[in-house]
Amino acid sequence: MEEELLPVPKHVSLILDGNGRWAKQKNMPRTYGHMMGAKRVEPIIKAADKMGIRYLSMYAFSTENWNRPKEEVSALMNLLAKYMKICLKLSLQENMRSIILGDKDGLPDALRREALRLEDETKNNTGMTILICINYGSRDEMLRAMRKMMKDLRDRGEDESAITEDLYASYLDTSGIPDPDLMIRTSGEQRLSNYLMWQMAYTEFYFTPVPWPEFTEEHLAEAVMAYRTRNRRYGKV
């Protein structure tokens, strides 16, 4: 049976959904849900590492999330800034590399400083790579990539005939990172929500009703096993 299973996915991508709704069900403010959700990140990272997953990407804050109430956004920014420090400690202890995806120029100064520090101090680590998406939206990423690519083409005196999939992908935030094999979204929603849309062209999706604050290492193992029983054809018969 083991021979018929797919290998453990090299890259797993997570949409950490349901914090606010989970808190509301408990008659608590949405910020409480975000705080409790943040506590699930480290155990899941460690579990993924033990499974042999080499890349773990997480959707922490989207470009659309700025439209949430100001109090919630402010609390999230403070929470993320604190979590950058926690992630740095974990990354250094476990030899993990951490990369922030998204438009860092649009972040508050404190969070941006911590994000850049996290990337810089872990860039030479050789263990699992953690990708944290903050102020990230796939459409925004693709537009930023297109503008930079076209500028470089003009500067080199080249035209659109030089554009290939590989060239364009090299301008994305995920340049040099393999596309996700498996995407897990918690809390029952079944959509991409502007997340890694170029990269997930052939990703396997797994949706669970479990809200992120209740997502455990066992739930991750179930999702990985569900992935391993699938047949990835990439358009072939």
C-alpha atoms as a PDB file:
ATOM      1  CA  MET A   1       0.000   0.000   0.000  1.00  0.00           C
ATOM      2  CA  GLU A   2       2.816   2.378   0.917  1.00  0.00           C
ATOM      3  CA  GLU A   3       4.257   2.037  -2.607  1.00  0.00           C
ATOM      4  CA  GLU A   4       0.985   3.304  -4.104  1.00  0.00           C
ATOM      5  CA  LEU A   5       0.971   6.490  -2.041  1.00  0.00           C
ATOM      6  CA  LEU A   6       2.362   9.799  -3.231  1.00  0.00           C
ATOM      7  CA  PRO A   7       5.435  11.040  -1.366  1.00  0.00           C
ATOM      8  CA  VAL A   8       4.935  13.524   1.467  1.00  0.00           C
ATOM      9  CA  PRO A   9       4.253  16.906  -0.187  1.00  0.00           C
ATOM     10  CA  LYS A  10       7.351  19.037  -0.567  1.00  0.00           C
ATOM     11  CA  HIS A  11       5.417  22.297  -0.186  1.00  0.00           C
ATOM     12  CA  VAL A  12       2.238  22.675   1.863  1.00  0.00           C
ATOM     13  CA  SER A  13       0.330  25.948   1.824  1.00  0.00           C
ATOM     14  CA  LEU A  14      -2.128  27.000   4.539  1.00  0.00           C
ATOM     15  CA  ILE A  15      -5.004  29.465   4.631  1.00  0.00           C
ATOM     16  CA  LEU A  16      -5.442  30.109   8.354  1.00  0.00           C
ATOM     17  CA  ASP A  17      -9.165  30.789   8.327  1.00  0.00           C
ATOM     18  CA  GLY A  18     -11.863  31.032  10.966  1.00  0.00           C
ATOM     19  CA  ASN A  19     -10.210  32.909  13.858  1.00  0.00           C
ATOM     20  CA  GLY A  20     -12.876  35.604  14.080  1.00  0.00           C
ATOM     21  CA  ARG A  21     -15.861  33.294  13.684  1.00  0.00           C
ATOM     22  CA  TRP A  22     -14.405  30.879  16.227  1.00  0.00           C
ATOM     23  CA  ALA A  23     -14.061  33.718  18.756  1.00  0.00           C
ATOM     24  CA  LYS A  24     -17.595  34.968  18.054  1.00  0.00           C
ATOM     25  CA  GLN A  25     -19.003  31.504  18.794  1.00  0.00           C
ATOM     26  CA  LYS A  26     -17.349  31.777  22.191  1.00  0.00           C
ATOM     27  CA  ASN A  27     -18.713  35.304  22.774  1.00  0.00           C
ATOM     28  CA  MET A  28     -15.204  36.703  22.595  1.00  0.00           C
ATOM     29  CA  PRO A  29     -13.809  39.546  20.441  1.00  0.00           C
ATOM     30  CA  ARG A  30     -12.289  38.698  17.064  1.00  0.00           C
ATOM     31  CA  THR A  31      -8.860  39.733  18.340  1.00  0.00           C
ATOM     32  CA  TYR A  32      -9.035  36.874  20.849  1.00  0.00           C
ATOM     33  CA  GLY A  33      -9.466  34.473  17.962  1.00  0.00           C
ATOM     34  CA  HIS A  34      -6.392  35.879  16.228  1.00  0.00           C
ATOM     35  CA  MET A  35      -4.324  35.533  19.397  1.00  0.00           C
ATOM     36  CA  MET A  36      -5.393  31.924  19.888  1.00  0.00           C
ATOM     37  CA  GLY A  37      -4.836  31.201  16.205  1.00  0.00           C
ATOM     38  CA  ALA A  38      -1.286  32.546  16.457  1.00  0.00           C
ATOM     39  CA  LYS A  39      -0.577  29.965  19.135  1.00  0.00           C
ATOM     40  CA  ARG A  40      -1.317  27.144  16.684  1.00  0.00           C
ATOM     41  CA  VAL A  41       1.365  28.217  14.213  1.00  0.00           C
ATOM     42  CA  GLU A  42       4.461  26.957  16.036  1.00  0.00           C
ATOM     43  CA  PRO A  43       3.119  23.432  16.749  1.00  0.00           C
ATOM     44  CA  ILE A  44       2.023  23.063  13.119  1.00  0.00           C
ATOM     45  CA  ILE A  45       5.395  24.245  11.824  1.00  0.00           C
ATOM     46  CA  LYS A  46       7.194  21.714  14.030  1.00  0.00           C
ATOM     47  CA  ALA A  47       4.813  18.924  12.977  1.00  0.00           C
ATOM     48  CA  ALA A  48       5.316  19.754   9.294  1.00  0.00           C
ATOM     49  CA  ASP A  49       9.071  19.681   9.766  1.00  0.00           C
ATOM     50  CA  LYS A  50       8.906  16.241  11.393  1.00  0.00           C
ATOM     51  CA  MET A  51       6.813  14.941   8.479  1.00  0.00           C
ATOM     52  CA  GLY A  52       9.501  15.952   6.014  1.00  0.00           C
ATOM     53  CA  ILE A  53       7.654  18.917   4.495  1.00  0.00           C
ATOM     54  CA  ARG A  54      10.345  21.258   3.147  1.00  0.00           C
ATOM     55  CA  TYR A  55       8.276  24.392   2.520  1.00  0.00           C
ATOM     56  CA  LEU A  56       5.311  25.655   4.546  1.00  0.00           C
ATOM     57  CA  SER A  57       3.509  28.796   3.379  1.00  0.00           C
ATOM     58  CA  MET A  58       0.870  30.565   5.467  1.00  0.00           C
ATOM     59  CA  TYR A  59      -1.635  33.274   4.513  1.00  0.00           C
ATOM     60  CA  ALA A  60      -1.455  35.620   7.505  1.00  0.00           C
ATOM     61  CA  PHE A  61      -2.794  38.961   6.195  1.00  0.00           C
ATOM     62  CA  SER A  62      -4.123  39.738   2.718  1.00  0.00           C
ATOM     63  CA  THR A  63      -4.236  42.997   0.772  1.00  0.00           C
ATOM     64  CA  GLU A  64      -8.011  42.880   1.248  1.00  0.00           C
ATOM     65  CA  ASN A  65      -7.747  42.545   5.030  1.00  0.00           C
ATOM     66  CA  TRP A  66      -6.979  46.288   5.292  1.00  0.00           C
ATOM     67  CA  ASN A  67     -10.742  46.764   4.790  1.00  0.00           C
ATOM     68  CA  ARG A  68     -11.500  45.213   8.187  1.00  0.00           C
ATOM     69  CA  PRO A  69     -12.306  47.449  11.199  1.00  0.00           C
ATOM     70  CA  LYS A  70      -9.366  49.668  12.168  1.00  0.00           C
ATOM     71  CA  GLU A  71      -9.196  48.236  15.677  1.00  0.00           C
ATOM     72  CA  GLU A  72      -8.893  44.686  14.326  1.00  0.00           C
ATOM     73  CA  VAL A  73      -6.255  45.678  11.748  1.00  0.00           C
ATOM     74  CA  SER A  74      -4.214  47.509  14.390  1.00  0.00           C
ATOM     75  CA  ALA A  75      -4.367  44.503  16.714  1.00  0.00           C
ATOM     76  CA  LEU A  76      -3.315  42.190  13.895  1.00  0.00           C
ATOM     77  CA  MET A  77      -0.335  44.379  13.000  1.00  0.00           C
ATOM     78  CA  ASN A  78       0.846  44.368  16.615  1.00  0.00           C
ATOM     79  CA  LEU A  79       0.311  40.620  16.883  1.00  0.00           C
ATOM     80  CA  LEU A  80       2.236  39.975  13.668  1.00  0.00           C
ATOM     81  CA  ALA A  81       5.128  42.186  14.803  1.00  0.00           C
ATOM     82  CA  LYS A  82       5.363  40.176  18.034  1.00  0.00           C
ATOM     83  CA  TYR A  83       5.098  36.925  16.132  1.00  0.00           C
ATOM     84  CA  MET A  84       8.018  37.884  13.892  1.00  0.00           C
ATOM     85  CA  LYS A  85      10.195  37.793  17.024  1.00  0.00           C
ATOM     86  CA  ILE A  86       8.791  34.412  18.063  1.00  0.00           C
ATOM     87  CA  CYS A  87       9.310  33.078  14.556  1.00  0.00           C
ATOM     88  CA  LEU A  88      12.901  34.338  14.570  1.00  0.00           C
ATOM     89  CA  LYS A  89      13.635  32.448  17.783  1.00  0.00           C
ATOM     90  CA  LEU A  90      12.032  29.272  16.401  1.00  0.00           C
ATOM     91  CA  SER A  91      13.831  29.605  13.067  1.00  0.00           C
ATOM     92  CA  LEU A  92      17.220  29.985  14.713  1.00  0.00           C
ATOM     93  CA  GLN A  93      16.589  27.058  17.070  1.00  0.00           C
ATOM     94  CA  GLU A  94      15.368  24.728  14.309  1.00  0.00           C
ATOM     95  CA  ASN A  95      17.689  25.905  11.472  1.00  0.00           C
ATOM     96  CA  MET A  96      14.668  27.132   9.473  1.00  0.00           C
ATOM     97  CA  ARG A  97      14.658  29.848   6.827  1.00  0.00           C
ATOM     98  CA  SER A  98      11.833  32.397   6.960  1.00  0.00           C
ATOM     99  CA  ILE A  99      10.667  34.494   4.011  1.00  0.00           C
ATOM    100  CA  ILE A 100       7.943  37.160   3.982  1.00  0.00           C
ATOM    101  CA  LEU A 101       5.799  37.217   0.839  1.00  0.00           C
ATOM    102  CA  GLY A 102       3.817  40.325  -0.092  1.00  0.00           C
ATOM    103  CA  ASP A 103       4.382  44.055  -0.387  1.00  0.00           C
ATOM    104  CA  LYS A 104       6.533  44.826   2.644  1.00  0.00           C
ATOM    105  CA  ASP A 105       6.668  48.522   1.725  1.00  0.00           C
ATOM    106  CA  GLY A 106       3.000  48.802   2.705  1.00  0.00           C
ATOM    107  CA  LEU A 107       3.516  47.513   6.250  1.00  0.00           C
ATOM    108  CA  PRO A 108       3.767  49.614   9.433  1.00  0.00           C
ATOM    109  CA  ASP A 109       7.383  50.474  10.241  1.00  0.00           C
ATOM    110  CA  ALA A 110       7.657  48.224  13.309  1.00  0.00           C
ATOM    111  CA  LEU A 111       6.308  45.174  11.491  1.00  0.00           C
ATOM    112  CA  ARG A 112       8.412  45.860   8.412  1.00  0.00           C
ATOM    113  CA  ARG A 113      11.591  46.095  10.500  1.00  0.00           C
ATOM    114  CA  GLU A 114      10.856  42.789  12.232  1.00  0.00           C
ATOM    115  CA  ALA A 115      10.003  41.122   8.924  1.00  0.00           C
ATOM    116  CA  LEU A 116      13.265  42.249   7.303  1.00  0.00           C
ATOM    117  CA  ARG A 117      15.236  41.187  10.382  1.00  0.00           C
ATOM    118  CA  LEU A 118      13.587  37.756  10.318  1.00  0.00           C
ATOM    119  CA  GLU A 119      14.510  37.258   6.671  1.00  0.00           C
ATOM    120  CA  ASP A 120      18.061  38.519   7.067  1.00  0.00           C
ATOM    121  CA  GLU A 121      18.976  36.500  10.158  1.00  0.00           C
ATOM    122  CA  THR A 122      17.603  33.213   8.768  1.00  0.00           C
ATOM    123  CA  LYS A 123      18.645  33.508   5.110  1.00  0.00           C
ATOM    124  CA  ASN A 124      21.520  31.033   5.467  1.00  0.00           C
ATOM    125  CA  ASN A 125      19.576  28.394   7.410  1.00  0.00           C
ATOM    126  CA  THR A 126      19.318  25.073   5.611  1.00  0.00           C
ATOM    127  CA  GLY A 127      16.260  23.427   7.193  1.00  0.00           C
ATOM    128  CA  MET A 128      12.598  23.863   6.336  1.00  0.00           C
ATOM    129  CA  THR A 129      11.553  27.130   4.678  1.00  0.00           C
ATOM    130  CA  ILE A 130       8.646  29.048   6.231  1.00  0.00           C
ATOM    131  CA  LEU A 131       6.840  31.484   3.931  1.00  0.00           C
ATOM    132  CA  ILE A 132       4.618  34.027   5.701  1.00  0.00           C
ATOM    133  CA  CYS A 133       2.263  36.025   3.487  1.00  0.00           C
ATOM    134  CA  ILE A 134       1.635  39.515   4.912  1.00  0.00           C
ATOM    135  CA  ASN A 135       0.012  42.319   2.907  1.00  0.00           C
ATOM    136  CA  TYR A 136      -0.142  39.709   0.180  1.00  0.00           C
ATOM    137  CA  GLY A 137      -2.589  39.346  -2.674  1.00  0.00           C
ATOM    138  CA  SER A 138      -1.962  37.244  -5.765  1.00  0.00           C
ATOM    139  CA  ARG A 139      -3.225  39.898  -8.172  1.00  0.00           C
ATOM    140  CA  ASP A 140      -1.028  42.508  -6.503  1.00  0.00           C
ATOM    141  CA  GLU A 141       1.942  40.128  -6.682  1.00  0.00           C
ATOM    142  CA  MET A 142       1.384  39.489 -10.387  1.00  0.00           C
ATOM    143  CA  LEU A 143       1.048  43.193 -11.179  1.00  0.00           C
ATOM    144  CA  ARG A 144       4.228  44.018  -9.254  1.00  0.00           C
ATOM    145  CA  ALA A 145       6.031  41.218 -11.062  1.00  0.00           C
ATOM    146  CA  MET A 146       4.772  42.327 -14.478  1.00  0.00           C
ATOM    147  CA  ARG A 147       5.808  45.952 -13.954  1.00  0.00           C
ATOM    148  CA  LYS A 148       9.302  45.023 -12.819  1.00  0.00           C
ATOM    149  CA  MET A 149       9.749  42.484 -15.612  1.00  0.00           C
ATOM    150  CA  MET A 150       8.639  44.941 -18.310  1.00  0.00           C
ATOM    151  CA  LYS A 151      10.964  47.629 -16.926  1.00  0.00           C
ATOM    152  CA  ASP A 152      13.893  45.223 -17.024  1.00  0.00           C
ATOM    153  CA  LEU A 153      13.016  44.182 -20.580  1.00  0.00           C
ATOM    154  CA  ARG A 154      12.925  47.820 -21.707  1.00  0.00           C
ATOM    155  CA  ASP A 155      16.218  48.542 -19.965  1.00  0.00           C
ATOM    156  CA  ARG A 156      17.802  45.593 -21.822  1.00  0.00           C
ATOM    157  CA  GLY A 157      16.261  46.618 -25.130  1.00  0.00           C
ATOM    158  CA  GLU A 158      14.151  43.449 -25.345  1.00  0.00           C
ATOM    159  CA  ASP A 159      10.480  43.049 -26.251  1.00  0.00           C
ATOM    160  CA  GLU A 160       7.628  40.744 -25.215  1.00  0.00           C
ATOM    161  CA  SER A 161       9.009  37.866 -27.282  1.00  0.00           C
ATOM    162  CA  ALA A 162      11.532  37.303 -24.472  1.00  0.00           C
ATOM    163  CA  ILE A 163       8.753  36.513 -21.958  1.00  0.00           C
ATOM    164  CA  THR A 164       8.451  32.893 -20.864  1.00  0.00           C
ATOM    165  CA  GLU A 165       6.704  31.249 -17.924  1.00  0.00           C
ATOM    166  CA  ASP A 166      10.045  30.742 -16.209  1.00  0.00           C
ATOM    167  CA  LEU A 167      11.067  34.362 -16.734  1.00  0.00           C
ATOM    168  CA  TYR A 168       7.779  35.682 -15.359  1.00  0.00           C
ATOM    169  CA  ALA A 169       7.863  33.289 -12.374  1.00  0.00           C
ATOM    170  CA  SER A 170      11.328  34.586 -11.495  1.00  0.00           C
ATOM    171  CA  TYR A 171       9.773  37.988 -10.752  1.00  0.00           C
ATOM    172  CA  LEU A 172       7.122  36.621  -8.381  1.00  0.00           C
ATOM    173  CA  ASP A 173       7.541  36.763  -4.591  1.00  0.00           C
ATOM    174  CA  THR A 174       8.064  32.983  -4.661  1.00  0.00           C
ATOM    175  CA  SER A 175      11.028  33.063  -7.047  1.00  0.00           C
ATOM    176  CA  GLY A 176      13.145  29.978  -6.444  1.00  0.00           C
ATOM    177  CA  ILE A 177      10.420  28.297  -4.344  1.00  0.00           C
ATOM    178  CA  PRO A 178       8.638  25.182  -5.705  1.00  0.00           C
ATOM    179  CA  ASP A 179       4.902  25.508  -6.267  1.00  0.00           C
ATOM    180  CA  PRO A 180       2.654  24.154  -3.488  1.00  0.00           C
ATOM    181  CA  ASP A 181       1.763  20.476  -3.761  1.00  0.00           C
ATOM    182  CA  LEU A 182      -1.047  20.752  -1.217  1.00  0.00           C
ATOM    183  CA  MET A 183      -3.181  23.687  -0.073  1.00  0.00           C
ATOM    184  CA  ILE A 184      -5.144  23.355   3.173  1.00  0.00           C
ATOM    185  CA  ARG A 185      -7.889  25.811   4.073  1.00  0.00           C
ATOM    186  CA  THR A 186      -9.517  25.648   7.485  1.00  0.00           C
ATOM    187  CA  SER A 187     -13.000  26.646   8.689  1.00  0.00           C
ATOM    188  CA  GLY A 188     -15.046  25.282   5.798  1.00  0.00           C
ATOM    189  CA  GLU A 189     -14.593  27.969   3.146  1.00  0.00           C
ATOM    190  CA  GLN A 190     -13.753  26.600  -0.306  1.00  0.00           C
ATOM    191  CA  ARG A 191     -12.019  29.309  -2.339  1.00  0.00           C
ATOM    192  CA  LEU A 192      -8.512  30.653  -2.966  1.00  0.00           C
ATOM    193  CA  SER A 193      -9.176  34.228  -1.811  1.00  0.00           C
ATOM    194  CA  ASN A 194      -6.510  35.787  -4.053  1.00  0.00           C
ATOM    195  CA  TYR A 195      -3.797  33.480  -2.718  1.00  0.00           C
ATOM    196  CA  LEU A 196      -0.873  32.159  -4.797  1.00  0.00           C
ATOM    197  CA  MET A 197      -3.072  31.836  -7.869  1.00  0.00           C
ATOM    198  CA  TRP A 198      -0.201  31.486 -10.366  1.00  0.00           C
ATOM    199  CA  GLN A 199       1.628  29.014  -8.151  1.00  0.00           C
ATOM    200  CA  MET A 200      -1.424  26.820  -7.465  1.00  0.00           C
ATOM    201  CA  ALA A 201      -2.208  25.929 -11.072  1.00  0.00           C
ATOM    202  CA  TYR A 202      -1.810  22.212 -10.259  1.00  0.00           C
ATOM    203  CA  THR A 203      -1.987  22.206  -6.466  1.00  0.00           C
ATOM    204  CA  GLU A 204      -4.206  19.667  -4.694  1.00  0.00           C
ATOM    205  CA  PHE A 205      -6.802  21.326  -2.422  1.00  0.00           C
ATOM    206  CA  TYR A 206      -7.970  20.104   0.981  1.00  0.00           C
ATOM    207  CA  PHE A 207     -10.792  21.853   2.840  1.00  0.00           C
ATOM    208  CA  THR A 208     -11.666  21.166   6.461  1.00  0.00           C
ATOM    209  CA  PRO A 209     -14.477  22.575   8.631  1.00  0.00           C
ATOM    210  CA  VAL A 210     -12.075  22.802  11.587  1.00  0.00           C
ATOM    211  CA  PRO A 211     -11.366  26.476  12.460  1.00  0.00           C
ATOM    212  CA  TRP A 212      -7.716  27.431  12.609  1.00  0.00           C
ATOM    213  CA  PRO A 213      -7.550  27.868  16.440  1.00  0.00           C
ATOM    214  CA  GLU A 214      -8.587  24.197  16.733  1.00  0.00           C
ATOM    215  CA  PHE A 215      -6.396  22.849  13.918  1.00  0.00           C
ATOM    216  CA  THR A 216      -4.025  20.267  15.395  1.00  0.00           C
ATOM    217  CA  GLU A 217      -1.039  18.214  14.321  1.00  0.00           C
ATOM    218  CA  GLU A 218      -3.450  15.302  13.792  1.00  0.00           C
ATOM    219  CA  HIS A 219      -5.539  17.399  11.388  1.00  0.00           C
ATOM    220  CA  LEU A 220      -2.393  18.226   9.430  1.00  0.00           C
ATOM    221  CA  ALA A 221      -1.501  14.526   9.246  1.00  0.00           C
ATOM    222  CA  GLU A 222      -5.021  13.735   7.960  1.00  0.00           C
ATOM    223  CA  ALA A 223      -4.697  16.360   5.221  1.00  0.00           C
ATOM    224  CA  VAL A 224      -1.284  15.064   4.167  1.00  0.00           C
ATOM    225  CA  MET A 225      -2.548  11.484   4.046  1.00  0.00           C
ATOM    226  CA  ALA A 226      -5.559  12.561   1.956  1.00  0.00           C
ATOM    227  CA  TYR A 227      -3.127  14.201  -0.466  1.00  0.00           C
ATOM    228  CA  ARG A 228      -0.946  11.087  -0.651  1.00  0.00           C
ATOM    229  CA  THR A 229      -3.882   8.948  -1.806  1.00  0.00           C
ATOM    230  CA  ARG A 230      -4.607  11.186  -4.810  1.00  0.00           C
ATOM    231  CA  ASN A 231      -3.496  10.758  -8.418  1.00  0.00           C
ATOM    232  CA  ARG A 232      -1.729  13.858  -9.792  1.00  0.00           C
ATOM    233  CA  ARG A 233      -1.964  13.799 -13.603  1.00  0.00           C
ATOM    234  CA  TYR A 234      -1.029  17.398 -14.534  1.00  0.00           C
ATOM    235  CA  GLY A 235      -3.397  17.305 -17.489  1.00  0.00           C
ATOM    236  CA  LYS A 236      -2.220  13.883 -18.689  1.00  0.00           C
ATOM    237  CA  VAL A 237      -4.322  10.712 -18.917  1.00  0.00           C
END
